[in-house]
Amino acid sequence: MKLTRKMVLSRAKASELQGVRKLNCWCGRPGPGGSKLTDISICREMPSLEVVTLSVNSVSSLEPLSRCRQLRELYLRRNRVGSLAELRHLRALPRLRVLWLAQNPCCGPDPTRYRMAVLRALPQLQRLDSQGHQPLGWTDRRPSPRGPTAASAVLTAVTEDELARALMEGEEVTALDVQGVGPGLGAEDDGSAEAREDLSCGEEEASLQGQLGSESPPSRGCFSTSSQSEPASGPPSRNHVLTAVLLLLRELDLEGLEAVQAATHGRLLTLRRPEMQ
């Protein structure tokens, strides 16, 4: 099924595509005839998009999102993205910080290999996918309006050491051949995939509001993940951070490099001040 202008304006309660900032097309329960979205080409006409929820659909190509330069959060779990090579379309999105890509064929049988490849392709990410299995019915435990959502509780933050490891050891997405690997690669079993379909689209979209919205983004060093294999302190960690910084410089444009230059100059002055006294 094709995502149309009428559908977008109706869901976003907007009058023009150019002004749409949040698009929620989560398909927990298919409409008549079991229709799910396969064509999102209209996203090319929405440059102001910041949050997009397309979970539980049949999207296979991410190319239409390549022009959404303001995109910060993208929820794509349980779609039909067949190859991690599709991530090349997201590389030009400088503000992208949150990606939920789990339960797509491209995830492959090795979760560590998959995660390292995604982080190498998109080193700007701060959160990627969920932390693994959750008990059946976890989405039914609605949180307090003032507390975190169920979705935010399971999104995994990216640590500095993990990013450094991914930049050094992760495979280039174009070198990975994970197409046609079959269902079930999103680490779901015992019916939990069906249980997760009950997760409301509002919870997914709001999963990081209050952490990536009005508040400052969380520091990568404040979170631990199962894929982190090195201590968070000491010379090895500093070397990893240095390597990551040098590799990330390649991804920055002129404006970004000037910001890094200014920050580096300020940091050097701070470190040298005791020597000058």
C-alpha atoms as a PDB file:
ATOM      1  CA  MET A   1       0.000   0.000   0.000  1.00  0.00           C
ATOM      2  CA  LYS A   2       1.278   3.473  -0.864  1.00  0.00           C
ATOM      3  CA  LEU A   3       1.478   6.257   1.675  1.00  0.00           C
ATOM      4  CA  THR A   4      -0.491   9.106   0.119  1.00  0.00           C
ATOM      5  CA  ARG A   5      -0.664  12.843   0.626  1.00  0.00           C
ATOM      6  CA  LYS A   6      -4.180  12.517   2.024  1.00  0.00           C
ATOM      7  CA  MET A   7      -3.074   9.912   4.572  1.00  0.00           C
ATOM      8  CA  VAL A   8      -0.130  12.018   5.704  1.00  0.00           C
ATOM      9  CA  LEU A   9      -2.100  15.240   6.126  1.00  0.00           C
ATOM     10  CA  SER A  10      -4.855  13.388   7.968  1.00  0.00           C
ATOM     11  CA  ARG A  11      -2.508  11.661  10.406  1.00  0.00           C
ATOM     12  CA  ALA A  12      -0.320  14.703  10.958  1.00  0.00           C
ATOM     13  CA  LYS A  13      -3.270  17.100  11.138  1.00  0.00           C
ATOM     14  CA  ALA A  14      -1.460  19.412   8.748  1.00  0.00           C
ATOM     15  CA  SER A  15      -2.382  21.397   5.646  1.00  0.00           C
ATOM     16  CA  GLU A  16       0.916  21.148   3.733  1.00  0.00           C
ATOM     17  CA  LEU A  17       3.471  18.338   3.434  1.00  0.00           C
ATOM     18  CA  GLN A  18       6.392  20.747   3.880  1.00  0.00           C
ATOM     19  CA  GLY A  19       5.226  21.601   7.382  1.00  0.00           C
ATOM     20  CA  VAL A  20       4.866  18.033   8.705  1.00  0.00           C
ATOM     21  CA  ARG A  21       7.336  17.397  11.536  1.00  0.00           C
ATOM     22  CA  LYS A  22       5.963  14.180  13.066  1.00  0.00           C
ATOM     23  CA  LEU A  23       4.531  11.289  11.072  1.00  0.00           C
ATOM     24  CA  ASN A  24       2.968   8.325  12.822  1.00  0.00           C
ATOM     25  CA  CYS A  25       2.106   5.408  10.530  1.00  0.00           C
ATOM     26  CA  TRP A  26       2.565   2.521  12.953  1.00  0.00           C
ATOM     27  CA  CYS A  27       0.487  -0.415  11.745  1.00  0.00           C
ATOM     28  CA  GLY A  28      -0.117  -2.595  14.786  1.00  0.00           C
ATOM     29  CA  ARG A  29      -3.237  -4.004  13.221  1.00  0.00           C
ATOM     30  CA  PRO A  30      -3.547  -3.933   9.424  1.00  0.00           C
ATOM     31  CA  GLY A  31      -6.543  -2.286   7.848  1.00  0.00           C
ATOM     32  CA  PRO A  32      -9.042  -3.898   5.515  1.00  0.00           C
ATOM     33  CA  GLY A  33      -7.468  -6.631   3.437  1.00  0.00           C
ATOM     34  CA  GLY A  34      -4.393  -6.736   5.673  1.00  0.00           C
ATOM     35  CA  SER A  35      -2.852  -3.696   3.952  1.00  0.00           C
ATOM     36  CA  LYS A  36       0.484  -2.423   5.201  1.00  0.00           C
ATOM     37  CA  LEU A  37       2.638   0.373   3.854  1.00  0.00           C
ATOM     38  CA  THR A  38       5.171  -0.618   1.203  1.00  0.00           C
ATOM     39  CA  ASP A  39       5.740   2.699  -0.590  1.00  0.00           C
ATOM     40  CA  ILE A  40       6.814   5.785   1.409  1.00  0.00           C
ATOM     41  CA  SER A  41       8.100   7.772  -1.567  1.00  0.00           C
ATOM     42  CA  ILE A  42       6.029  10.774  -0.483  1.00  0.00           C
ATOM     43  CA  CYS A  43       8.547  11.332   2.328  1.00  0.00           C
ATOM     44  CA  ARG A  44      10.747  12.978  -0.303  1.00  0.00           C
ATOM     45  CA  GLU A  45       8.305  15.879  -0.168  1.00  0.00           C
ATOM     46  CA  MET A  46       8.565  16.315   3.612  1.00  0.00           C
ATOM     47  CA  PRO A  47      11.944  17.927   4.385  1.00  0.00           C
ATOM     48  CA  SER A  48      10.838  19.068   7.849  1.00  0.00           C
ATOM     49  CA  LEU A  49      10.200  15.590   9.266  1.00  0.00           C
ATOM     50  CA  GLU A  50      11.784  15.106  12.696  1.00  0.00           C
ATOM     51  CA  VAL A  51      10.092  11.962  14.070  1.00  0.00           C
ATOM     52  CA  VAL A  52       8.855   9.115  11.869  1.00  0.00           C
ATOM     53  CA  THR A  53       7.116   5.966  13.098  1.00  0.00           C
ATOM     54  CA  LEU A  54       6.653   3.246  10.475  1.00  0.00           C
ATOM     55  CA  SER A  55       6.820   0.162  12.682  1.00  0.00           C
ATOM     56  CA  VAL A  56       4.993  -3.036  11.736  1.00  0.00           C
ATOM     57  CA  ASN A  57       4.649  -2.299   8.029  1.00  0.00           C
ATOM     58  CA  SER A  58       6.234  -3.719   4.857  1.00  0.00           C
ATOM     59  CA  VAL A  59       8.724  -0.992   3.979  1.00  0.00           C
ATOM     60  CA  SER A  60      11.826  -2.271   2.171  1.00  0.00           C
ATOM     61  CA  SER A  61      13.519   0.883   0.852  1.00  0.00           C
ATOM     62  CA  LEU A  62      14.802   3.780   2.972  1.00  0.00           C
ATOM     63  CA  GLU A  63      15.740   5.973   0.005  1.00  0.00           C
ATOM     64  CA  PRO A  64      12.698   8.293   0.375  1.00  0.00           C
ATOM     65  CA  LEU A  65      13.991   9.314   3.819  1.00  0.00           C
ATOM     66  CA  SER A  66      17.342  10.515   2.471  1.00  0.00           C
ATOM     67  CA  ARG A  67      16.003  14.046   1.954  1.00  0.00           C
ATOM     68  CA  CYS A  68      14.603  14.414   5.469  1.00  0.00           C
ATOM     69  CA  ARG A  69      17.580  16.344   6.794  1.00  0.00           C
ATOM     70  CA  GLN A  70      15.842  17.281  10.052  1.00  0.00           C
ATOM     71  CA  LEU A  71      15.045  13.677  11.010  1.00  0.00           C
ATOM     72  CA  ARG A  72      15.966  12.868  14.631  1.00  0.00           C
ATOM     73  CA  GLU A  73      14.053   9.673  15.423  1.00  0.00           C
ATOM     74  CA  LEU A  74      13.162   6.791  13.097  1.00  0.00           C
ATOM     75  CA  TYR A  75      11.128   3.756  14.185  1.00  0.00           C
ATOM     76  CA  LEU A  76      11.184   0.911  11.637  1.00  0.00           C
ATOM     77  CA  ARG A  77      10.918  -2.320  13.606  1.00  0.00           C
ATOM     78  CA  ARG A  78       9.112  -5.229  11.946  1.00  0.00           C
ATOM     79  CA  ASN A  79       9.351  -4.110   8.330  1.00  0.00           C
ATOM     80  CA  ARG A  80      10.980  -5.727   5.297  1.00  0.00           C
ATOM     81  CA  VAL A  81      14.320  -3.978   5.050  1.00  0.00           C
ATOM     82  CA  GLY A  82      16.338  -6.763   3.445  1.00  0.00           C
ATOM     83  CA  SER A  83      19.852  -5.348   3.460  1.00  0.00           C
ATOM     84  CA  LEU A  84      21.916  -3.119   5.719  1.00  0.00           C
ATOM     85  CA  ALA A  85      23.061  -1.397   2.537  1.00  0.00           C
ATOM     86  CA  GLU A  86      19.826   0.593   2.878  1.00  0.00           C
ATOM     87  CA  LEU A  87      21.507   2.501   5.701  1.00  0.00           C
ATOM     88  CA  ARG A  88      23.465   4.442   3.105  1.00  0.00           C
ATOM     89  CA  HIS A  89      20.327   6.498   2.599  1.00  0.00           C
ATOM     90  CA  LEU A  90      20.455   7.613   6.245  1.00  0.00           C
ATOM     91  CA  ARG A  91      24.087   8.714   6.253  1.00  0.00           C
ATOM     92  CA  ALA A  92      23.190  12.184   5.019  1.00  0.00           C
ATOM     93  CA  LEU A  93      20.907  12.829   8.002  1.00  0.00           C
ATOM     94  CA  PRO A  94      23.099  14.763  10.472  1.00  0.00           C
ATOM     95  CA  ARG A  95      20.473  14.971  13.236  1.00  0.00           C
ATOM     96  CA  LEU A  96      19.479  11.309  13.353  1.00  0.00           C
ATOM     97  CA  ARG A  97      19.997  10.083  16.928  1.00  0.00           C
ATOM     98  CA  VAL A  98      17.463   7.279  17.433  1.00  0.00           C
ATOM     99  CA  LEU A  99      16.907   4.225  15.232  1.00  0.00           C
ATOM    100  CA  TRP A 100      14.713   1.200  15.907  1.00  0.00           C
ATOM    101  CA  LEU A 101      15.456  -1.284  13.118  1.00  0.00           C
ATOM    102  CA  ALA A 102      15.047  -4.578  14.973  1.00  0.00           C
ATOM    103  CA  GLN A 103      12.992  -7.457  13.545  1.00  0.00           C
ATOM    104  CA  ASN A 104      13.877  -6.696   9.943  1.00  0.00           C
ATOM    105  CA  PRO A 105      15.451  -9.347   7.670  1.00  0.00           C
ATOM    106  CA  CYS A 106      18.619  -7.231   7.468  1.00  0.00           C
ATOM    107  CA  CYS A 107      19.370  -7.823  11.154  1.00  0.00           C
ATOM    108  CA  GLY A 108      20.804 -11.266  10.421  1.00  0.00           C
ATOM    109  CA  PRO A 109      21.536 -14.089  12.866  1.00  0.00           C
ATOM    110  CA  ASP A 110      24.418 -12.362  14.708  1.00  0.00           C
ATOM    111  CA  PRO A 111      23.170  -9.427  16.847  1.00  0.00           C
ATOM    112  CA  THR A 112      26.677  -8.193  17.685  1.00  0.00           C
ATOM    113  CA  ARG A 113      27.792  -8.165  14.072  1.00  0.00           C
ATOM    114  CA  TYR A 114      24.591  -6.382  13.101  1.00  0.00           C
ATOM    115  CA  ARG A 115      24.909  -3.729  15.818  1.00  0.00           C
ATOM    116  CA  MET A 116      28.573  -3.036  15.045  1.00  0.00           C
ATOM    117  CA  ALA A 117      27.779  -2.631  11.334  1.00  0.00           C
ATOM    118  CA  VAL A 118      24.903  -0.222  11.993  1.00  0.00           C
ATOM    119  CA  LEU A 119      26.978   1.937  14.348  1.00  0.00           C
ATOM    120  CA  ARG A 120      29.851   2.070  11.881  1.00  0.00           C
ATOM    121  CA  ALA A 121      27.456   3.201   9.165  1.00  0.00           C
ATOM    122  CA  LEU A 122      25.648   5.677  11.446  1.00  0.00           C
ATOM    123  CA  PRO A 123      28.105   6.754  14.186  1.00  0.00           C
ATOM    124  CA  GLN A 124      25.906   9.689  15.210  1.00  0.00           C
ATOM    125  CA  LEU A 125      23.289   7.374  16.757  1.00  0.00           C
ATOM    126  CA  GLN A 126      22.738   7.635  20.502  1.00  0.00           C
ATOM    127  CA  ARG A 127      20.163   4.839  20.826  1.00  0.00           C
ATOM    128  CA  LEU A 128      19.718   1.717  18.724  1.00  0.00           C
ATOM    129  CA  ASP A 129      17.030  -0.942  19.104  1.00  0.00           C
ATOM    130  CA  SER A 130      15.908  -2.652  22.292  1.00  0.00           C
ATOM    131  CA  GLN A 131      17.782  -4.551  24.969  1.00  0.00           C
ATOM    132  CA  GLY A 132      16.455  -7.954  23.982  1.00  0.00           C
ATOM    133  CA  HIS A 133      13.646 -10.148  25.240  1.00  0.00           C
ATOM    134  CA  GLN A 134      10.788  -8.700  27.236  1.00  0.00           C
ATOM    135  CA  PRO A 135       8.084 -10.708  28.979  1.00  0.00           C
ATOM    136  CA  LEU A 136       4.757 -11.202  27.283  1.00  0.00           C
ATOM    137  CA  GLY A 137       2.367  -8.384  27.995  1.00  0.00           C
ATOM    138  CA  TRP A 138       5.097  -5.879  28.867  1.00  0.00           C
ATOM    139  CA  THR A 139       3.393  -3.257  26.742  1.00  0.00           C
ATOM    140  CA  ASP A 140       0.293  -3.470  28.920  1.00  0.00           C
ATOM    141  CA  ARG A 141       2.068  -1.992  31.888  1.00  0.00           C
ATOM    142  CA  ARG A 142       1.267   1.603  31.101  1.00  0.00           C
ATOM    143  CA  PRO A 143       3.621   4.002  32.904  1.00  0.00           C
ATOM    144  CA  SER A 144       2.718   7.072  34.818  1.00  0.00           C
ATOM    145  CA  PRO A 145       2.311  10.158  32.605  1.00  0.00           C
ATOM    146  CA  ARG A 146       5.281  11.630  34.443  1.00  0.00           C
ATOM    147  CA  GLY A 147       7.448   8.548  34.119  1.00  0.00           C
ATOM    148  CA  PRO A 148       9.286   6.971  31.169  1.00  0.00           C
ATOM    149  CA  THR A 149       7.321   5.106  28.538  1.00  0.00           C
ATOM    150  CA  ALA A 150       7.570   1.359  28.123  1.00  0.00           C
ATOM    151  CA  ALA A 151       9.449   1.900  24.882  1.00  0.00           C
ATOM    152  CA  SER A 152      12.071   4.196  26.418  1.00  0.00           C
ATOM    153  CA  ALA A 153      12.778   1.587  29.065  1.00  0.00           C
ATOM    154  CA  VAL A 154      14.051  -0.880  26.470  1.00  0.00           C
ATOM    155  CA  LEU A 155      15.886   1.318  23.975  1.00  0.00           C
ATOM    156  CA  THR A 156      19.606   0.686  24.210  1.00  0.00           C
ATOM    157  CA  ALA A 157      21.967   3.638  24.508  1.00  0.00           C
ATOM    158  CA  VAL A 158      25.246   3.626  22.599  1.00  0.00           C
ATOM    159  CA  THR A 159      28.351   3.920  24.770  1.00  0.00           C
ATOM    160  CA  GLU A 160      31.610   5.600  23.787  1.00  0.00           C
ATOM    161  CA  ASP A 161      33.563   2.351  23.937  1.00  0.00           C
ATOM    162  CA  GLU A 162      30.938   0.549  21.891  1.00  0.00           C
ATOM    163  CA  LEU A 163      31.072   3.225  19.208  1.00  0.00           C
ATOM    164  CA  ALA A 164      34.862   3.136  19.127  1.00  0.00           C
ATOM    165  CA  ARG A 165      34.794  -0.639  18.764  1.00  0.00           C
ATOM    166  CA  ALA A 166      32.228  -0.392  15.953  1.00  0.00           C
ATOM    167  CA  LEU A 167      34.312   2.157  14.047  1.00  0.00           C
ATOM    168  CA  MET A 168      37.366  -0.097  14.276  1.00  0.00           C
ATOM    169  CA  GLU A 169      35.820  -3.559  13.952  1.00  0.00           C
ATOM    170  CA  GLY A 170      32.390  -3.088  12.376  1.00  0.00           C
ATOM    171  CA  GLU A 171      31.919  -4.192   8.785  1.00  0.00           C
ATOM    172  CA  GLU A 172      31.028  -1.868   5.951  1.00  0.00           C
ATOM    173  CA  VAL A 173      27.334  -2.318   5.269  1.00  0.00           C
ATOM    174  CA  THR A 174      27.943  -2.791   1.546  1.00  0.00           C
ATOM    175  CA  ALA A 175      30.124  -5.804   2.360  1.00  0.00           C
ATOM    176  CA  LEU A 176      27.419  -7.598   4.319  1.00  0.00           C
ATOM    177  CA  ASP A 177      25.203 -10.137   2.590  1.00  0.00           C
ATOM    178  CA  VAL A 178      22.229 -10.719   4.876  1.00  0.00           C
ATOM    179  CA  GLN A 179      19.380 -10.668   2.407  1.00  0.00           C
ATOM    180  CA  GLY A 180      16.901 -13.515   2.404  1.00  0.00           C
ATOM    181  CA  VAL A 181      17.944 -14.751   5.831  1.00  0.00           C
ATOM    182  CA  GLY A 182      14.370 -15.521   6.777  1.00  0.00           C
ATOM    183  CA  PRO A 183      11.990 -14.516   9.576  1.00  0.00           C
ATOM    184  CA  GLY A 184      12.621 -14.557  13.277  1.00  0.00           C
ATOM    185  CA  LEU A 185      15.910 -12.643  13.156  1.00  0.00           C
ATOM    186  CA  GLY A 186      14.598  -9.867  15.314  1.00  0.00           C
ATOM    187  CA  ALA A 187      15.184 -11.957  18.456  1.00  0.00           C
ATOM    188  CA  GLU A 188      11.486 -12.590  18.972  1.00  0.00           C
ATOM    189  CA  ASP A 189       9.977 -15.907  19.969  1.00  0.00           C
ATOM    190  CA  ASP A 190       7.208 -17.496  22.004  1.00  0.00           C
ATOM    191  CA  GLY A 191       4.681 -15.081  20.586  1.00  0.00           C
ATOM    192  CA  SER A 192       6.362 -11.979  21.956  1.00  0.00           C
ATOM    193  CA  ALA A 193       6.368 -10.382  18.505  1.00  0.00           C
ATOM    194  CA  GLU A 194       2.602 -10.447  18.494  1.00  0.00           C
ATOM    195  CA  ALA A 195       2.500  -9.083  22.007  1.00  0.00           C
ATOM    196  CA  ARG A 196       4.693  -6.173  20.963  1.00  0.00           C
ATOM    197  CA  GLU A 197       2.225  -5.218  18.267  1.00  0.00           C
ATOM    198  CA  ASP A 198       0.075  -3.918  21.106  1.00  0.00           C
ATOM    199  CA  LEU A 199       2.643  -1.201  21.753  1.00  0.00           C
ATOM    200  CA  SER A 200       0.851   2.030  20.939  1.00  0.00           C
ATOM    201  CA  CYS A 201       2.342   4.261  18.276  1.00  0.00           C
ATOM    202  CA  GLY A 202       2.238   7.117  20.752  1.00  0.00           C
ATOM    203  CA  GLU A 203       4.614   5.283  23.052  1.00  0.00           C
ATOM    204  CA  GLU A 204       7.107   4.609  20.285  1.00  0.00           C
ATOM    205  CA  GLU A 205       7.047   8.188  19.084  1.00  0.00           C
ATOM    206  CA  ALA A 206       7.382   9.546  22.620  1.00  0.00           C
ATOM    207  CA  SER A 207      10.004   7.047  23.709  1.00  0.00           C
ATOM    208  CA  LEU A 208      12.785   9.616  23.993  1.00  0.00           C
ATOM    209  CA  GLN A 209      10.871  12.879  24.439  1.00  0.00           C
ATOM    210  CA  GLY A 210      12.243  14.419  27.633  1.00  0.00           C
ATOM    211  CA  GLN A 211      15.632  12.813  27.028  1.00  0.00           C
ATOM    212  CA  LEU A 212      16.272  13.999  23.480  1.00  0.00           C
ATOM    213  CA  GLY A 213      13.693  16.784  23.501  1.00  0.00           C
ATOM    214  CA  SER A 214      13.796  19.532  26.084  1.00  0.00           C
ATOM    215  CA  GLU A 215      16.658  17.974  28.014  1.00  0.00           C
ATOM    216  CA  SER A 216      20.246  17.445  26.926  1.00  0.00           C
ATOM    217  CA  PRO A 217      21.013  14.153  25.173  1.00  0.00           C
ATOM    218  CA  PRO A 218      22.259  11.490  27.574  1.00  0.00           C
ATOM    219  CA  SER A 219      25.994  10.963  27.717  1.00  0.00           C
ATOM    220  CA  ARG A 220      27.070   7.751  26.030  1.00  0.00           C
ATOM    221  CA  GLY A 221      29.377   7.010  28.922  1.00  0.00           C
ATOM    222  CA  CYS A 222      26.468   6.852  31.383  1.00  0.00           C
ATOM    223  CA  PHE A 223      24.976   3.688  29.932  1.00  0.00           C
ATOM    224  CA  SER A 224      26.191   0.116  29.769  1.00  0.00           C
ATOM    225  CA  THR A 225      25.291  -2.441  27.117  1.00  0.00           C
ATOM    226  CA  SER A 226      25.798  -6.143  26.700  1.00  0.00           C
ATOM    227  CA  SER A 227      28.069  -5.551  23.697  1.00  0.00           C
ATOM    228  CA  GLN A 228      30.525  -3.429  25.688  1.00  0.00           C
ATOM    229  CA  SER A 229      33.614  -5.594  26.156  1.00  0.00           C
ATOM    230  CA  GLU A 230      36.203  -3.129  27.491  1.00  0.00           C
ATOM    231  CA  PRO A 231      36.344  -1.143  30.729  1.00  0.00           C
ATOM    232  CA  ALA A 232      35.040   2.405  30.589  1.00  0.00           C
ATOM    233  CA  SER A 233      38.229   3.895  32.002  1.00  0.00           C
ATOM    234  CA  GLY A 234      41.982   3.677  31.592  1.00  0.00           C
ATOM    235  CA  PRO A 235      44.302   4.087  28.579  1.00  0.00           C
ATOM    236  CA  PRO A 236      42.532   1.548  26.265  1.00  0.00           C
ATOM    237  CA  SER A 237      39.282   3.476  26.591  1.00  0.00           C
ATOM    238  CA  ARG A 238      40.979   6.812  25.872  1.00  0.00           C
ATOM    239  CA  ASN A 239      42.632   5.330  22.799  1.00  0.00           C
ATOM    240  CA  HIS A 240      39.274   4.075  21.588  1.00  0.00           C
ATOM    241  CA  VAL A 241      37.717   7.496  22.072  1.00  0.00           C
ATOM    242  CA  LEU A 242      40.571   9.176  20.178  1.00  0.00           C
ATOM    243  CA  THR A 243      40.207   6.724  17.304  1.00  0.00           C
ATOM    244  CA  ALA A 244      36.456   7.291  17.210  1.00  0.00           C
ATOM    245  CA  VAL A 245      36.884  11.077  17.162  1.00  0.00           C
ATOM    246  CA  LEU A 246      39.371  10.950  14.291  1.00  0.00           C
ATOM    247  CA  LEU A 247      37.100   8.668  12.269  1.00  0.00           C
ATOM    248  CA  LEU A 248      34.033  10.805  12.972  1.00  0.00           C
ATOM    249  CA  LEU A 249      35.795  13.873  11.583  1.00  0.00           C
ATOM    250  CA  ARG A 250      35.377  12.363   8.125  1.00  0.00           C
ATOM    251  CA  GLU A 251      31.600  12.558   8.495  1.00  0.00           C
ATOM    252  CA  LEU A 252      31.491  16.283   9.318  1.00  0.00           C
ATOM    253  CA  ASP A 253      30.861  19.131   6.916  1.00  0.00           C
ATOM    254  CA  LEU A 254      32.530  22.557   7.086  1.00  0.00           C
ATOM    255  CA  GLU A 255      30.134  23.859   9.746  1.00  0.00           C
ATOM    256  CA  GLY A 256      30.660  20.789  11.898  1.00  0.00           C
ATOM    257  CA  LEU A 257      34.445  20.964  11.608  1.00  0.00           C
ATOM    258  CA  GLU A 258      34.417  24.639  12.593  1.00  0.00           C
ATOM    259  CA  ALA A 259      32.378  23.755  15.687  1.00  0.00           C
ATOM    260  CA  VAL A 260      34.891  21.027  16.586  1.00  0.00           C
ATOM    261  CA  GLN A 261      37.761  23.458  16.066  1.00  0.00           C
ATOM    262  CA  ALA A 262      36.195  26.000  18.405  1.00  0.00           C
ATOM    263  CA  ALA A 263      35.448  23.387  21.065  1.00  0.00           C
ATOM    264  CA  THR A 264      38.979  21.972  20.803  1.00  0.00           C
ATOM    265  CA  HIS A 265      40.518  25.428  21.165  1.00  0.00           C
ATOM    266  CA  GLY A 266      38.427  26.108  24.274  1.00  0.00           C
ATOM    267  CA  ARG A 267      39.359  22.769  25.795  1.00  0.00           C
ATOM    268  CA  LEU A 268      43.067  23.351  25.152  1.00  0.00           C
ATOM    269  CA  LEU A 269      42.917  26.741  26.861  1.00  0.00           C
ATOM    270  CA  THR A 270      41.257  25.145  29.883  1.00  0.00           C
ATOM    271  CA  LEU A 271      43.893  22.411  30.136  1.00  0.00           C
ATOM    272  CA  ARG A 272      46.800  24.823  29.669  1.00  0.00           C
ATOM    273  CA  ARG A 273      45.565  27.446  32.114  1.00  0.00           C
ATOM    274  CA  PRO A 274      47.190  25.793  35.202  1.00  0.00           C
ATOM    275  CA  GLU A 275      50.532  25.714  33.383  1.00  0.00           C
ATOM    276  CA  MET A 276      50.317  29.418  32.662  1.00  0.00           C
ATOM    277  CA  GLN A 277      49.689  30.406  36.277  1.00  0.00           C
END
